[in-house]
Amino acid sequence: MNNMKTKEPQHQNILPDQEVHYLETLGLQSSLSWREDQKHLVFRLVRYKFFAKMLSGCNCVLEVGCGDAFDTLLVQRE
């Protein structure tokens, strides 16, 4: 991958990081939201970010009915 080039030079620094970390993919529901209603996906992410701040410091959190669990990464990282 060392010989790969991006179309825009300011993004060239991302390629070495790609070799270390996998590129993230969206789950089924998140992919559908991304294709059909991006505003819905953004509102979901904002809501999860809010709840992540509320749950900061909790050792154990259970979410029931989380769908593809893409948004739960925000809670997990907090």
Protein backbone atom coordinates (compact mmCIF):
# COMPACT_ATOMS: atom_id res chain seq x y z
CA MET A 1 0.00 0.00 0.00
CA ASN A 2 3.00 2.28 0.16
CA ASN A 3 2.61 3.29 -3.48
CA MET A 4 -1.03 4.37 -3.14
CA LYS A 5 -1.83 7.99 -3.83
CA THR A 6 -4.89 10.02 -2.94
CA LYS A 7 -6.45 12.47 -5.38
CA GLU A 8 -5.98 15.30 -2.91
CA PRO A 9 -2.51 15.61 -1.34
CA GLN A 10 -3.80 16.82 2.04
CA HIS A 11 -5.33 13.35 2.57
CA GLN A 12 -2.11 11.45 1.82
CA ASN A 13 -1.23 11.24 5.53
CA ILE A 14 -4.26 9.00 6.16
CA LEU A 15 -2.92 6.07 4.11
CA PRO A 16 -0.17 4.94 6.54
CA ASP A 17 -2.75 4.93 9.35
CA GLN A 18 -4.93 2.62 7.25
CA GLU A 19 -2.18 -0.01 7.35
CA VAL A 20 -2.26 -0.03 11.17
CA HIS A 21 -6.00 0.35 11.77
CA TYR A 22 -8.86 -1.21 9.87
CA LEU A 23 -11.23 1.09 8.08
CA GLU A 24 -14.56 1.16 9.89
CA THR A 25 -17.72 -0.02 8.18
CA LEU A 26 -21.28 0.86 9.11
CA GLY A 27 -23.80 -1.75 10.17
CA LEU A 28 -26.98 -2.51 8.25
CA GLN A 29 -29.19 0.15 9.83
CA SER A 30 -26.48 2.80 9.85
CA SER A 31 -25.66 2.12 6.19
CA LEU A 32 -29.32 2.53 5.30
CA SER A 33 -29.47 5.81 7.22
CA TRP A 34 -26.29 7.01 5.49
CA ARG A 35 -27.75 6.27 2.03
CA GLU A 36 -31.31 7.46 2.56
CA ASP A 37 -31.43 9.95 5.45
CA GLN A 38 -28.08 11.32 6.60
CA LYS A 39 -29.78 13.72 9.01
CA HIS A 40 -31.22 10.74 10.89
CA LEU A 41 -27.75 9.22 11.28
CA VAL A 42 -26.33 12.50 12.57
CA PHE A 43 -29.16 12.88 15.12
CA ARG A 44 -28.54 9.31 16.32
CA LEU A 45 -24.84 9.98 16.78
CA VAL A 46 -25.52 13.23 18.65
CA ARG A 47 -27.99 11.43 20.93
CA TYR A 48 -25.47 8.68 21.70
CA LYS A 49 -22.76 11.24 22.37
CA PHE A 50 -25.09 12.92 24.88
CA PHE A 51 -25.86 9.62 26.62
CA ALA A 52 -22.16 8.72 26.63
CA LYS A 53 -21.44 11.89 28.63
CA MET A 54 -24.30 11.05 31.02
CA LEU A 55 -22.96 7.53 31.57
CA SER A 56 -19.34 8.61 31.94
CA GLY A 57 -17.71 6.78 34.82
CA CYS A 58 -20.13 3.83 34.80
CA ASN A 59 -18.36 0.48 34.76
CA CYS A 60 -21.15 -1.51 33.16
CA VAL A 61 -23.86 -0.40 30.74
CA LEU A 62 -26.48 -2.63 29.12
CA GLU A 63 -28.25 -1.53 25.97
CA VAL A 64 -31.17 -3.58 24.75
CA GLY A 65 -32.34 -3.30 21.16
CA CYS A 66 -29.26 -1.50 19.88
CA GLY A 67 -29.68 -2.65 16.26
CA ASP A 68 -26.32 -2.89 14.53
CA ALA A 69 -24.57 -1.37 17.60
CA PHE A 70 -22.62 1.12 15.49
CA ASP A 71 -23.54 3.99 17.82
CA THR A 72 -22.56 2.14 20.98
CA LEU A 73 -18.89 2.74 20.19
CA LEU A 74 -19.43 6.30 21.42
CA VAL A 75 -20.66 5.02 24.79
CA GLN A 76 -17.93 2.38 25.01
CA ARG A 77 -15.14 4.92 24.46
CA GLU A 78 -16.45 7.23 27.17
